[in-house]
Amino acid sequence: MVCKEITEKSELEKVLAESGQGKVLIFKHSTACPISARAWREVQKFAAETKAELQGVMIKVIESRPLSNFVAENFLVTHQSPQVLLLSKGLVVWHTSHQEVTQENIEQAIAALG
């Protein structure tokens, strides 16, 4: 899986449309936070090793504040940073933040979906 940076609402909409009924992983990243830097490394490890079929995107919350806010409002998940949201069929089925953003937790969430 590749976790590509997106900066615009239209890019997120395109990813969601392309995923159809599939899974999407959204990582909200603060470039000013060491906890977020650690979480980003965990997401990158997950992305490099997963065999799961899903698309991944990363949103820098400071640089792309309108998109970050849109995600919080659209998916009804209070903004956190760092934060991971797992979507299936366009709906948030799992999310976590801060120290709980680990490769293991993401793998467990994916596995729980079957």
PDB file of N, CA and C in Angstrom:
ATOM      1  N   MET A   1       0.849  -1.178   0.000  1.00  0.00           N
ATOM      2  CA  MET A   1       0.000   0.000   0.000  1.00  0.00           C
ATOM      3  C   MET A   1       0.891   1.237   0.000  1.00  0.00           C
ATOM      4  N   VAL A   2       0.509   2.214  -0.758  1.00  0.00           N
ATOM      5  CA  VAL A   2       1.176   3.516  -0.747  1.00  0.00           C
ATOM      6  C   VAL A   2       0.275   4.487   0.012  1.00  0.00           C
ATOM      7  N   CYS A   3       0.869   5.283   0.882  1.00  0.00           N
ATOM      8  CA  CYS A   3       0.106   6.285   1.623  1.00  0.00           C
ATOM      9  C   CYS A   3       0.508   7.650   1.076  1.00  0.00           C
ATOM     10  N   LYS A   4      -0.284   8.160   0.132  1.00  0.00           N
ATOM     11  CA  LYS A   4       0.089   9.404  -0.537  1.00  0.00           C
ATOM     12  C   LYS A   4      -0.530  10.612   0.150  1.00  0.00           C
ATOM     13  N   GLU A   5       0.206  11.715   0.099  1.00  0.00           N
ATOM     14  CA  GLU A   5      -0.300  12.954   0.686  1.00  0.00           C
ATOM     15  C   GLU A   5      -1.365  13.562  -0.215  1.00  0.00           C
ATOM     16  N   ILE A   6      -2.439  14.011   0.409  1.00  0.00           N
ATOM     17  CA  ILE A   6      -3.462  14.768  -0.313  1.00  0.00           C
ATOM     18  C   ILE A   6      -3.640  16.107   0.394  1.00  0.00           C
ATOM     19  N   THR A   7      -4.057  17.117  -0.378  1.00  0.00           N
ATOM     20  CA  THR A   7      -4.178  18.463   0.182  1.00  0.00           C
ATOM     21  C   THR A   7      -5.533  19.106  -0.081  1.00  0.00           C
ATOM     22  N   GLU A   8      -6.321  18.498  -0.938  1.00  0.00           N
ATOM     23  CA  GLU A   8      -7.591  19.092  -1.356  1.00  0.00           C
ATOM     24  C   GLU A   8      -8.759  18.121  -1.167  1.00  0.00           C
ATOM     25  N   LYS A   9      -9.920  18.674  -0.902  1.00  0.00           N
ATOM     26  CA  LYS A   9     -11.145  17.887  -0.763  1.00  0.00           C
ATOM     27  C   LYS A   9     -11.400  17.052  -2.017  1.00  0.00           C
ATOM     28  N   SER A  10     -11.132  17.610  -3.181  1.00  0.00           N
ATOM     29  CA  SER A  10     -11.363  16.891  -4.433  1.00  0.00           C
ATOM     30  C   SER A  10     -10.497  15.635  -4.531  1.00  0.00           C
ATOM     31  N   GLU A  11      -9.280  15.698  -3.976  1.00  0.00           N
ATOM     32  CA  GLU A  11      -8.408  14.515  -3.986  1.00  0.00           C
ATOM     33  C   GLU A  11      -8.984  13.415  -3.100  1.00  0.00           C
ATOM     34  N   LEU A  12      -9.498  13.793  -1.943  1.00  0.00           N
ATOM     35  CA  LEU A  12     -10.118  12.810  -1.056  1.00  0.00           C
ATOM     36  C   LEU A  12     -11.353  12.210  -1.722  1.00  0.00           C
ATOM     37  N   GLU A  13     -12.159  13.043  -2.333  1.00  0.00           N
ATOM     38  CA  GLU A  13     -13.358  12.552  -3.011  1.00  0.00           C
ATOM     39  C   GLU A  13     -12.995  11.560  -4.114  1.00  0.00           C
ATOM     40  N   LYS A  14     -11.906  11.833  -4.830  1.00  0.00           N
ATOM     41  CA  LYS A  14     -11.445  10.930  -5.892  1.00  0.00           C
ATOM     42  C   LYS A  14     -11.016   9.588  -5.307  1.00  0.00           C
ATOM     43  N   VAL A  15     -10.264   9.610  -4.211  1.00  0.00           N
ATOM     44  CA  VAL A  15      -9.828   8.374  -3.559  1.00  0.00           C
ATOM     45  C   VAL A  15     -11.040   7.567  -3.110  1.00  0.00           C
ATOM     46  N   LEU A  16     -12.006   8.232  -2.492  1.00  0.00           N
ATOM     47  CA  LEU A  16     -13.209   7.537  -2.027  1.00  0.00           C
ATOM     48  C   LEU A  16     -13.996   6.939  -3.191  1.00  0.00           C
ATOM     49  N   ALA A  17     -14.090   7.679  -4.279  1.00  0.00           N
ATOM     50  CA  ALA A  17     -14.802   7.178  -5.452  1.00  0.00           C
ATOM     51  C   ALA A  17     -14.077   5.977  -6.057  1.00  0.00           C
ATOM     52  N   GLU A  18     -12.754   6.061  -6.128  1.00  0.00           N
ATOM     53  CA  GLU A  18     -11.970   4.962  -6.689  1.00  0.00           C
ATOM     54  C   GLU A  18     -12.025   3.723  -5.816  1.00  0.00           C
ATOM     55  N   SER A  19     -12.143   3.913  -4.520  1.00  0.00           N
ATOM     56  CA  SER A  19     -12.159   2.766  -3.613  1.00  0.00           C
ATOM     57  C   SER A  19     -13.494   2.021  -3.669  1.00  0.00           C
ATOM     58  N   GLY A  20     -14.542   2.717  -4.104  1.00  0.00           N
ATOM     59  CA  GLY A  20     -15.857   2.082  -4.198  1.00  0.00           C
ATOM     60  C   GLY A  20     -16.276   1.480  -2.875  1.00  0.00           C
ATOM     61  N   GLN A  21     -16.412   0.184  -2.857  1.00  0.00           N
ATOM     62  CA  GLN A  21     -16.807  -0.536  -1.646  1.00  0.00           C
ATOM     63  C   GLN A  21     -15.593  -0.983  -0.833  1.00  0.00           C
ATOM     64  N   GLY A  22     -14.402  -0.554  -1.249  1.00  0.00           N
ATOM     65  CA  GLY A  22     -13.176  -0.977  -0.591  1.00  0.00           C
ATOM     66  C   GLY A  22     -12.844  -0.170   0.649  1.00  0.00           C
ATOM     67  N   LYS A  23     -11.612  -0.400   1.126  1.00  0.00           N
ATOM     68  CA  LYS A  23     -11.141   0.229   2.353  1.00  0.00           C
ATOM     69  C   LYS A  23     -10.187   1.376   2.050  1.00  0.00           C
ATOM     70  N   VAL A  24     -10.248   2.397   2.904  1.00  0.00           N
ATOM     71  CA  VAL A  24      -9.361   3.558   2.801  1.00  0.00           C
ATOM     72  C   VAL A  24      -8.820   3.854   4.196  1.00  0.00           C
ATOM     73  N   LEU A  25      -7.522   4.090   4.277  1.00  0.00           N
ATOM     74  CA  LEU A  25      -6.880   4.479   5.521  1.00  0.00           C
ATOM     75  C   LEU A  25      -6.483   5.942   5.408  1.00  0.00           C
ATOM     76  N   ILE A  26      -6.965   6.768   6.331  1.00  0.00           N
ATOM     77  CA  ILE A  26      -6.622   8.190   6.360  1.00  0.00           C
ATOM     78  C   ILE A  26      -5.750   8.433   7.581  1.00  0.00           C
ATOM     79  N   PHE A  27      -4.576   9.013   7.357  1.00  0.00           N
ATOM     80  CA  PHE A  27      -3.700   9.387   8.463  1.00  0.00           C
ATOM     81  C   PHE A  27      -3.619  10.903   8.523  1.00  0.00           C
ATOM     82  N   LYS A  28      -4.000  11.477   9.652  1.00  0.00           N
ATOM     83  CA  LYS A  28      -3.915  12.924   9.866  1.00  0.00           C
ATOM     84  C   LYS A  28      -2.646  13.199  10.675  1.00  0.00           C
ATOM     85  N   HIS A  29      -1.757  13.983  10.084  1.00  0.00           N
ATOM     86  CA  HIS A  29      -0.393  14.149  10.588  1.00  0.00           C
ATOM     87  C   HIS A  29      -0.076  15.611  10.885  1.00  0.00           C
ATOM     88  N   SER A  30       0.464  15.856  12.090  1.00  0.00           N
ATOM     89  CA  SER A  30       0.965  17.188  12.424  1.00  0.00           C
ATOM     90  C   SER A  30       2.474  17.187  12.272  1.00  0.00           C
ATOM     91  N   THR A  31       2.961  18.001  11.346  1.00  0.00           N
ATOM     92  CA  THR A  31       4.407  18.062  11.088  1.00  0.00           C
ATOM     93  C   THR A  31       5.159  18.767  12.209  1.00  0.00           C
ATOM     94  N   ALA A  32       4.452  19.328  13.180  1.00  0.00           N
ATOM     95  CA  ALA A  32       5.092  20.035  14.296  1.00  0.00           C
ATOM     96  C   ALA A  32       5.112  19.201  15.581  1.00  0.00           C
ATOM     97  N   CYS A  33       4.706  17.944  15.506  1.00  0.00           N
ATOM     98  CA  CYS A  33       4.514  17.141  16.719  1.00  0.00           C
ATOM     99  C   CYS A  33       5.358  15.868  16.684  1.00  0.00           C
ATOM    100  N   PRO A  34       6.203  15.648  17.703  1.00  0.00           N
ATOM    101  CA  PRO A  34       7.014  14.426  17.732  1.00  0.00           C
ATOM    102  C   PRO A  34       6.179  13.153  17.889  1.00  0.00           C
ATOM    103  N   ILE A  35       5.038  13.237  18.572  1.00  0.00           N
ATOM    104  CA  ILE A  35       4.161  12.067  18.678  1.00  0.00           C
ATOM    105  C   ILE A  35       3.622  11.698  17.299  1.00  0.00           C
ATOM    106  N   SER A  36       3.293  12.709  16.521  1.00  0.00           N
ATOM    107  CA  SER A  36       2.797  12.475  15.176  1.00  0.00           C
ATOM    108  C   SER A  36       3.894  11.897  14.278  1.00  0.00           C
ATOM    109  N   ALA A  37       5.127  12.339  14.465  1.00  0.00           N
ATOM    110  CA  ALA A  37       6.250  11.796  13.687  1.00  0.00           C
ATOM    111  C   ALA A  37       6.412  10.302  13.960  1.00  0.00           C
ATOM    112  N   ARG A  38       6.287   9.907  15.232  1.00  0.00           N
ATOM    113  CA  ARG A  38       6.376   8.494  15.588  1.00  0.00           C
ATOM    114  C   ARG A  38       5.219   7.718  14.955  1.00  0.00           C
ATOM    115  N   ALA A  39       4.025   8.283  15.037  1.00  0.00           N
ATOM    116  CA  ALA A  39       2.845   7.630  14.463  1.00  0.00           C
ATOM    117  C   ALA A  39       2.992   7.479  12.948  1.00  0.00           C
ATOM    118  N   TRP A  40       3.544   8.484  12.286  1.00  0.00           N
ATOM    119  CA  TRP A  40       3.747   8.424  10.834  1.00  0.00           C
ATOM    120  C   TRP A  40       4.684   7.272  10.483  1.00  0.00           C
ATOM    121  N   ARG A  41       5.729   7.066  11.288  1.00  0.00           N
ATOM    122  CA  ARG A  41       6.634   5.936  11.048  1.00  0.00           C
ATOM    123  C   ARG A  41       5.878   4.611  11.194  1.00  0.00           C
ATOM    124  N   GLU A  42       4.974   4.535  12.164  1.00  0.00           N
ATOM    125  CA  GLU A  42       4.161   3.323  12.341  1.00  0.00           C
ATOM    126  C   GLU A  42       3.264   3.082  11.125  1.00  0.00           C
ATOM    127  N   VAL A  43       2.657   4.137  10.623  1.00  0.00           N
ATOM    128  CA  VAL A  43       1.794   4.014   9.438  1.00  0.00           C
ATOM    129  C   VAL A  43       2.625   3.586   8.233  1.00  0.00           C
ATOM    130  N   GLN A  44       3.820   4.151   8.096  1.00  0.00           N
ATOM    131  CA  GLN A  44       4.685   3.778   6.976  1.00  0.00           C
ATOM    132  C   GLN A  44       5.111   2.316   7.070  1.00  0.00           C
ATOM    133  N   LYS A  45       5.407   1.830   8.273  1.00  0.00           N
ATOM    134  CA  LYS A  45       5.752   0.409   8.443  1.00  0.00           C
ATOM    135  C   LYS A  45       4.562  -0.461   8.048  1.00  0.00           C
ATOM    136  N   PHE A  46       3.383  -0.077   8.511  1.00  0.00           N
ATOM    137  CA  PHE A  46       2.182  -0.822   8.136  1.00  0.00           C
ATOM    138  C   PHE A  46       2.029  -0.846   6.616  1.00  0.00           C
ATOM    139  N   ALA A  47       2.145   0.319   5.990  1.00  0.00           N
ATOM    140  CA  ALA A  47       1.966   0.430   4.538  1.00  0.00           C
ATOM    141  C   ALA A  47       2.965  -0.439   3.781  1.00  0.00           C
ATOM    142  N   ALA A  48       4.203  -0.488   4.261  1.00  0.00           N
ATOM    143  CA  ALA A  48       5.247  -1.251   3.582  1.00  0.00           C
ATOM    144  C   ALA A  48       5.032  -2.761   3.703  1.00  0.00           C
ATOM    145  N   GLU A  49       4.404  -3.193   4.780  1.00  0.00           N
ATOM    146  CA  GLU A  49       4.315  -4.626   5.055  1.00  0.00           C
ATOM    147  C   GLU A  49       2.945  -5.244   4.830  1.00  0.00           C
ATOM    148  N   THR A  50       1.896  -4.426   4.719  1.00  0.00           N
ATOM    149  CA  THR A  50       0.552  -5.002   4.633  1.00  0.00           C
ATOM    150  C   THR A  50       0.300  -5.693   3.302  1.00  0.00           C
ATOM    151  N   LYS A  51      -0.507  -6.708   3.375  1.00  0.00           N
ATOM    152  CA  LYS A  51      -0.985  -7.377   2.167  1.00  0.00           C
ATOM    153  C   LYS A  51      -2.466  -7.045   1.944  1.00  0.00           C
ATOM    154  N   ALA A  52      -3.018  -6.235   2.853  1.00  0.00           N
ATOM    155  CA  ALA A  52      -4.427  -5.854   2.760  1.00  0.00           C
ATOM    156  C   ALA A  52      -4.655  -4.980   1.530  1.00  0.00           C
ATOM    157  N   GLU A  53      -5.833  -5.117   0.961  1.00  0.00           N
ATOM    158  CA  GLU A  53      -6.213  -4.312  -0.197  1.00  0.00           C
ATOM    159  C   GLU A  53      -6.902  -3.050   0.302  1.00  0.00           C
ATOM    160  N   LEU A  54      -6.185  -1.940   0.286  1.00  0.00           N
ATOM    161  CA  LEU A  54      -6.768  -0.672   0.675  1.00  0.00           C
ATOM    162  C   LEU A  54      -5.936   0.463   0.123  1.00  0.00           C
ATOM    163  N   GLN A  55      -6.554   1.630   0.075  1.00  0.00           N
ATOM    164  CA  GLN A  55      -5.859   2.836  -0.337  1.00  0.00           C
ATOM    165  C   GLN A  55      -5.505   3.629   0.907  1.00  0.00           C
ATOM    166  N   GLY A  56      -4.360   4.313   0.867  1.00  0.00           N
ATOM    167  CA  GLY A  56      -3.937   5.101   2.005  1.00  0.00           C
ATOM    168  C   GLY A  56      -3.636   6.532   1.618  1.00  0.00           C
ATOM    169  N   VAL A  57      -4.063   7.460   2.477  1.00  0.00           N
ATOM    170  CA  VAL A  57      -3.769   8.875   2.256  1.00  0.00           C
ATOM    171  C   VAL A  57      -3.296   9.499   3.565  1.00  0.00           C
ATOM    172  N   MET A  58      -2.479  10.535   3.423  1.00  0.00           N
ATOM    173  CA  MET A  58      -1.985  11.282   4.565  1.00  0.00           C
ATOM    174  C   MET A  58      -2.350  12.745   4.368  1.00  0.00           C
ATOM    175  N   ILE A  59      -2.847  13.352   5.438  1.00  0.00           N
ATOM    176  CA  ILE A  59      -3.219  14.765   5.419  1.00  0.00           C
ATOM    177  C   ILE A  59      -2.386  15.477   6.471  1.00  0.00           C
ATOM    178  N   LYS A  60      -1.630  16.477   6.046  1.00  0.00           N
ATOM    179  CA  LYS A  60      -0.887  17.304   6.993  1.00  0.00           C
ATOM    180  C   LYS A  60      -1.863  18.339   7.549  1.00  0.00           C
ATOM    181  N   VAL A  61      -2.157  18.218   8.853  1.00  0.00           N
ATOM    182  CA  VAL A  61      -3.247  18.994   9.433  1.00  0.00           C
ATOM    183  C   VAL A  61      -2.974  20.490   9.521  1.00  0.00           C
ATOM    184  N   ILE A  62      -1.725  20.896   9.634  1.00  0.00           N
ATOM    185  CA  ILE A  62      -1.412  22.332   9.691  1.00  0.00           C
ATOM    186  C   ILE A  62      -1.454  22.922   8.289  1.00  0.00           C
ATOM    187  N   GLU A  63      -0.787  22.259   7.361  1.00  0.00           N
ATOM    188  CA  GLU A  63      -0.688  22.767   5.996  1.00  0.00           C
ATOM    189  C   GLU A  63      -1.998  22.646   5.218  1.00  0.00           C
ATOM    190  N   SER A  64      -2.807  21.680   5.567  1.00  0.00           N
ATOM    191  CA  SER A  64      -4.069  21.439   4.844  1.00  0.00           C
ATOM    192  C   SER A  64      -5.251  21.471   5.819  1.00  0.00           C
ATOM    193  N   ARG A  65      -5.311  22.521   6.607  1.00  0.00           N
ATOM    194  CA  ARG A  65      -6.345  22.657   7.651  1.00  0.00           C
ATOM    195  C   ARG A  65      -7.767  22.501   7.107  1.00  0.00           C
ATOM    196  N   PRO A  66      -8.134  23.137   5.969  1.00  0.00           N
ATOM    197  CA  PRO A  66      -9.517  22.968   5.486  1.00  0.00           C
ATOM    198  C   PRO A  66      -9.862  21.499   5.198  1.00  0.00           C
ATOM    199  N   LEU A  67      -8.925  20.747   4.638  1.00  0.00           N
ATOM    200  CA  LEU A  67      -9.180  19.336   4.356  1.00  0.00           C
ATOM    201  C   LEU A  67      -9.289  18.540   5.661  1.00  0.00           C
ATOM    202  N   SER A  68      -8.414  18.836   6.599  1.00  0.00           N
ATOM    203  CA  SER A  68      -8.457  18.167   7.900  1.00  0.00           C
ATOM    204  C   SER A  68      -9.802  18.422   8.588  1.00  0.00           C
ATOM    205  N   ASN A  69     -10.251  19.658   8.553  1.00  0.00           N
ATOM    206  CA  ASN A  69     -11.557  19.999   9.142  1.00  0.00           C
ATOM    207  C   ASN A  69     -12.701  19.291   8.412  1.00  0.00           C
ATOM    208  N   PHE A  70     -12.595  19.221   7.092  1.00  0.00           N
ATOM    209  CA  PHE A  70     -13.619  18.543   6.296  1.00  0.00           C
ATOM    210  C   PHE A  70     -13.743  17.079   6.719  1.00  0.00           C
ATOM    211  N   VAL A  71     -12.607  16.415   6.920  1.00  0.00           N
ATOM    212  CA  VAL A  71     -12.630  15.007   7.332  1.00  0.00           C
ATOM    213  C   VAL A  71     -13.349  14.868   8.672  1.00  0.00           C
ATOM    214  N   ALA A  72     -13.011  15.729   9.621  1.00  0.00           N
ATOM    215  CA  ALA A  72     -13.653  15.672  10.937  1.00  0.00           C
ATOM    216  C   ALA A  72     -15.162  15.879  10.819  1.00  0.00           C
ATOM    217  N   GLU A  73     -15.560  16.867  10.039  1.00  0.00           N
ATOM    218  CA  GLU A  73     -16.983  17.184   9.895  1.00  0.00           C
ATOM    219  C   GLU A  73     -17.728  16.129   9.087  1.00  0.00           C
ATOM    220  N   ASN A  74     -17.139  15.691   7.991  1.00  0.00           N
ATOM    221  CA  ASN A  74     -17.803  14.761   7.087  1.00  0.00           C
ATOM    222  C   ASN A  74     -17.963  13.373   7.698  1.00  0.00           C
ATOM    223  N   PHE A  75     -16.949  12.920   8.445  1.00  0.00           N
ATOM    224  CA  PHE A  75     -16.998  11.571   9.004  1.00  0.00           C
ATOM    225  C   PHE A  75     -17.392  11.550  10.481  1.00  0.00           C
ATOM    226  N   LEU A  76     -17.716  12.729  11.029  1.00  0.00           N
ATOM    227  CA  LEU A  76     -18.206  12.855  12.404  1.00  0.00           C
ATOM    228  C   LEU A  76     -17.256  12.237  13.428  1.00  0.00           C
ATOM    229  N   VAL A  77     -15.947  12.495  13.218  1.00  0.00           N
ATOM    230  CA  VAL A  77     -14.921  12.022  14.138  1.00  0.00           C
ATOM    231  C   VAL A  77     -14.156  13.248  14.611  1.00  0.00           C
ATOM    232  N   THR A  78     -14.184  13.494  15.909  1.00  0.00           N
ATOM    233  CA  THR A  78     -13.500  14.655  16.474  1.00  0.00           C
ATOM    234  C   THR A  78     -12.047  14.678  16.035  1.00  0.00           C
ATOM    235  N   HIS A  79     -11.588  15.837  15.604  1.00  0.00           N
ATOM    236  CA  HIS A  79     -10.207  15.986  15.132  1.00  0.00           C
ATOM    237  C   HIS A  79      -9.215  15.674  16.234  1.00  0.00           C
ATOM    238  N   GLN A  80      -8.238  14.870  15.894  1.00  0.00           N
ATOM    239  CA  GLN A  80      -7.080  14.589  16.726  1.00  0.00           C
ATOM    240  C   GLN A  80      -5.866  14.597  15.805  1.00  0.00           C
ATOM    241  N   SER A  81      -4.702  14.672  16.392  1.00  0.00           N
ATOM    242  CA  SER A  81      -3.482  14.569  15.603  1.00  0.00           C
ATOM    243  C   SER A  81      -2.368  14.077  16.504  1.00  0.00           C
ATOM    244  N   PRO A  82      -1.756  13.003  16.097  1.00  0.00           N
ATOM    245  CA  PRO A  82      -2.019  12.169  14.919  1.00  0.00           C
ATOM    246  C   PRO A  82      -3.299  11.360  15.100  1.00  0.00           C
ATOM    247  N   GLN A  83      -3.838  10.972  13.956  1.00  0.00           N
ATOM    248  CA  GLN A  83      -5.095  10.224  13.966  1.00  0.00           C
ATOM    249  C   GLN A  83      -5.169   9.335  12.733  1.00  0.00           C
ATOM    250  N   VAL A  84      -5.709   8.139  12.925  1.00  0.00           N
ATOM    251  CA  VAL A  84      -5.956   7.222  11.818  1.00  0.00           C
ATOM    252  C   VAL A  84      -7.436   6.929  11.774  1.00  0.00           C
ATOM    253  N   LEU A  85      -7.992   6.993  10.568  1.00  0.00           N
ATOM    254  CA  LEU A  85      -9.377   6.595  10.335  1.00  0.00           C
ATOM    255  C   LEU A  85      -9.354   5.483   9.301  1.00  0.00           C
ATOM    256  N   LEU A  86     -10.081   4.418   9.568  1.00  0.00           N
ATOM    257  CA  LEU A  86     -10.233   3.331   8.619  1.00  0.00           C
ATOM    258  C   LEU A  86     -11.663   3.368   8.103  1.00  0.00           C
ATOM    259  N   LEU A  87     -11.793   3.506   6.785  1.00  0.00           N
ATOM    260  CA  LEU A  87     -13.105   3.561   6.159  1.00  0.00           C
ATOM    261  C   LEU A  87     -13.348   2.284   5.374  1.00  0.00           C
ATOM    262  N   SER A  88     -14.579   1.831   5.409  1.00  0.00           N
ATOM    263  CA  SER A  88     -15.017   0.721   4.584  1.00  0.00           C
ATOM    264  C   SER A  88     -16.367   1.114   4.006  1.00  0.00           C
ATOM    265  N   LYS A  89     -16.475   1.016   2.700  1.00  0.00           N
ATOM    266  CA  LYS A  89     -17.710   1.401   2.005  1.00  0.00           C
ATOM    267  C   LYS A  89     -18.075   2.859   2.306  1.00  0.00           C
ATOM    268  N   GLY A  90     -17.056   3.704   2.478  1.00  0.00           N
ATOM    269  CA  GLY A  90     -17.273   5.130   2.680  1.00  0.00           C
ATOM    270  C   GLY A  90     -17.618   5.539   4.103  1.00  0.00           C
ATOM    271  N   LEU A  91     -17.633   4.582   5.036  1.00  0.00           N
ATOM    272  CA  LEU A  91     -17.976   4.881   6.424  1.00  0.00           C
ATOM    273  C   LEU A  91     -16.795   4.578   7.342  1.00  0.00           C
ATOM    274  N   VAL A  92     -16.641   5.374   8.392  1.00  0.00           N
ATOM    275  CA  VAL A  92     -15.589   5.121   9.367  1.00  0.00           C
ATOM    276  C   VAL A  92     -15.990   3.900  10.191  1.00  0.00           C
ATOM    277  N   VAL A  93     -15.126   2.882  10.158  1.00  0.00           N
ATOM    278  CA  VAL A  93     -15.391   1.665  10.918  1.00  0.00           C
ATOM    279  C   VAL A  93     -14.452   1.539  12.116  1.00  0.00           C
ATOM    280  N   TRP A  94     -13.411   2.366  12.139  1.00  0.00           N
ATOM    281  CA  TRP A  94     -12.449   2.347  13.249  1.00  0.00           C
ATOM    282  C   TRP A  94     -11.615   3.612  13.163  1.00  0.00           C
ATOM    283  N   HIS A  95     -11.250   4.137  14.314  1.00  0.00           N
ATOM    284  CA  HIS A  95     -10.308   5.256  14.353  1.00  0.00           C
ATOM    285  C   HIS A  95      -9.589   5.256  15.683  1.00  0.00           C
ATOM    286  N   THR A  96      -8.414   5.842  15.677  1.00  0.00           N
ATOM    287  CA  THR A  96      -7.631   5.968  16.903  1.00  0.00           C
ATOM    288  C   THR A  96      -6.690   7.157  16.756  1.00  0.00           C
ATOM    289  N   SER A  97      -6.062   7.523  17.865  1.00  0.00           N
ATOM    290  CA  SER A  97      -5.176   8.693  17.803  1.00  0.00           C
ATOM    291  C   SER A  97      -4.020   8.559  18.789  1.00  0.00           C
ATOM    292  N   HIS A  98      -3.123   9.487  18.671  1.00  0.00           N
ATOM    293  CA  HIS A  98      -1.962   9.655  19.544  1.00  0.00           C
ATOM    294  C   HIS A  98      -1.146   8.373  19.675  1.00  0.00           C
ATOM    295  N   GLN A  99      -0.877   7.938  20.901  1.00  0.00           N
ATOM    296  CA  GLN A  99       0.000   6.782  21.124  1.00  0.00           C
ATOM    297  C   GLN A  99      -0.604   5.466  20.627  1.00  0.00           C
ATOM    298  N   GLU A 100      -1.898   5.463  20.372  1.00  0.00           N
ATOM    299  CA  GLU A 100      -2.558   4.241  19.907  1.00  0.00           C
ATOM    300  C   GLU A 100      -2.381   4.008  18.408  1.00  0.00           C
ATOM    301  N   VAL A 101      -1.777   4.977  17.704  1.00  0.00           N
ATOM    302  CA  VAL A 101      -1.492   4.804  16.275  1.00  0.00           C
ATOM    303  C   VAL A 101      -0.236   3.948  16.167  1.00  0.00           C
ATOM    304  N   THR A 102      -0.447   2.641  16.021  1.00  0.00           N
ATOM    305  CA  THR A 102       0.664   1.704  15.879  1.00  0.00           C
ATOM    306  C   THR A 102       0.381   0.763  14.722  1.00  0.00           C
ATOM    307  N   GLN A 103       1.444   0.200  14.189  1.00  0.00           N
ATOM    308  CA  GLN A 103       1.302  -0.779  13.123  1.00  0.00           C
ATOM    309  C   GLN A 103       0.408  -1.930  13.591  1.00  0.00           C
ATOM    310  N   GLU A 104       0.631  -2.402  14.795  1.00  0.00           N
ATOM    311  CA  GLU A 104      -0.138  -3.523  15.329  1.00  0.00           C
ATOM    312  C   GLU A 104      -1.628  -3.188  15.440  1.00  0.00           C
ATOM    313  N   ASN A 105      -1.957  -2.005  15.949  1.00  0.00           N
ATOM    314  CA  ASN A 105      -3.368  -1.632  16.080  1.00  0.00           C
ATOM    315  C   ASN A 105      -4.051  -1.500  14.725  1.00  0.00           C
ATOM    316  N   ILE A 106      -3.336  -0.964  13.754  1.00  0.00           N
ATOM    317  CA  ILE A 106      -3.916  -0.848  12.407  1.00  0.00           C
ATOM    318  C   ILE A 106      -4.148  -2.240  11.827  1.00  0.00           C
ATOM    319  N   GLU A 107      -3.162  -3.124  11.979  1.00  0.00           N
ATOM    320  CA  GLU A 107      -3.307  -4.496  11.479  1.00  0.00           C
ATOM    321  C   GLU A 107      -4.506  -5.198  12.116  1.00  0.00           C
ATOM    322  N   GLN A 108      -4.678  -5.000  13.424  1.00  0.00           N
ATOM    323  CA  GLN A 108      -5.808  -5.625  14.120  1.00  0.00           C
ATOM    324  C   GLN A 108      -7.139  -5.077  13.617  1.00  0.00           C
ATOM    325  N   ALA A 109      -7.192  -3.790  13.345  1.00  0.00           N
ATOM    326  CA  ALA A 109      -8.433  -3.185  12.837  1.00  0.00           C
ATOM    327  C   ALA A 109      -8.770  -3.729  11.448  1.00  0.00           C
ATOM    328  N   ILE A 110      -7.768  -3.871  10.607  1.00  0.00           N
ATOM    329  CA  ILE A 110      -7.969  -4.423   9.257  1.00  0.00           C
ATOM    330  C   ILE A 110      -8.443  -5.868   9.370  1.00  0.00           C
ATOM    331  N   ALA A 111      -7.788  -6.638  10.227  1.00  0.00           N
ATOM    332  CA  ALA A 111      -8.140  -8.050  10.398  1.00  0.00           C
ATOM    333  C   ALA A 111      -9.573  -8.214  10.898  1.00  0.00           C
ATOM    334  N   ALA A 112     -10.007  -7.310  11.764  1.00  0.00           N
ATOM    335  CA  ALA A 112     -11.370  -7.377  12.317  1.00  0.00           C
ATOM    336  C   ALA A 112     -12.430  -7.195  11.240  1.00  0.00           C
ATOM    337  N   LEU A 113     -12.063  -6.526  10.148  1.00  0.00           N
ATOM    338  CA  LEU A 113     -13.020  -6.330   9.051  1.00  0.00           C
ATOM    339  C   LEU A 113     -13.194  -7.587   8.214  1.00  0.00           C
ATOM    340  N   GLY A 114     -12.238  -8.484   8.318  1.00  0.00           N
ATOM    341  CA  GLY A 114     -12.322  -9.741   7.570  1.00  0.00           C
ATOM    342  C   GLY A 114     -11.812  -9.664   6.176  1.00  0.00           C
TER     343      GLY A 114
END
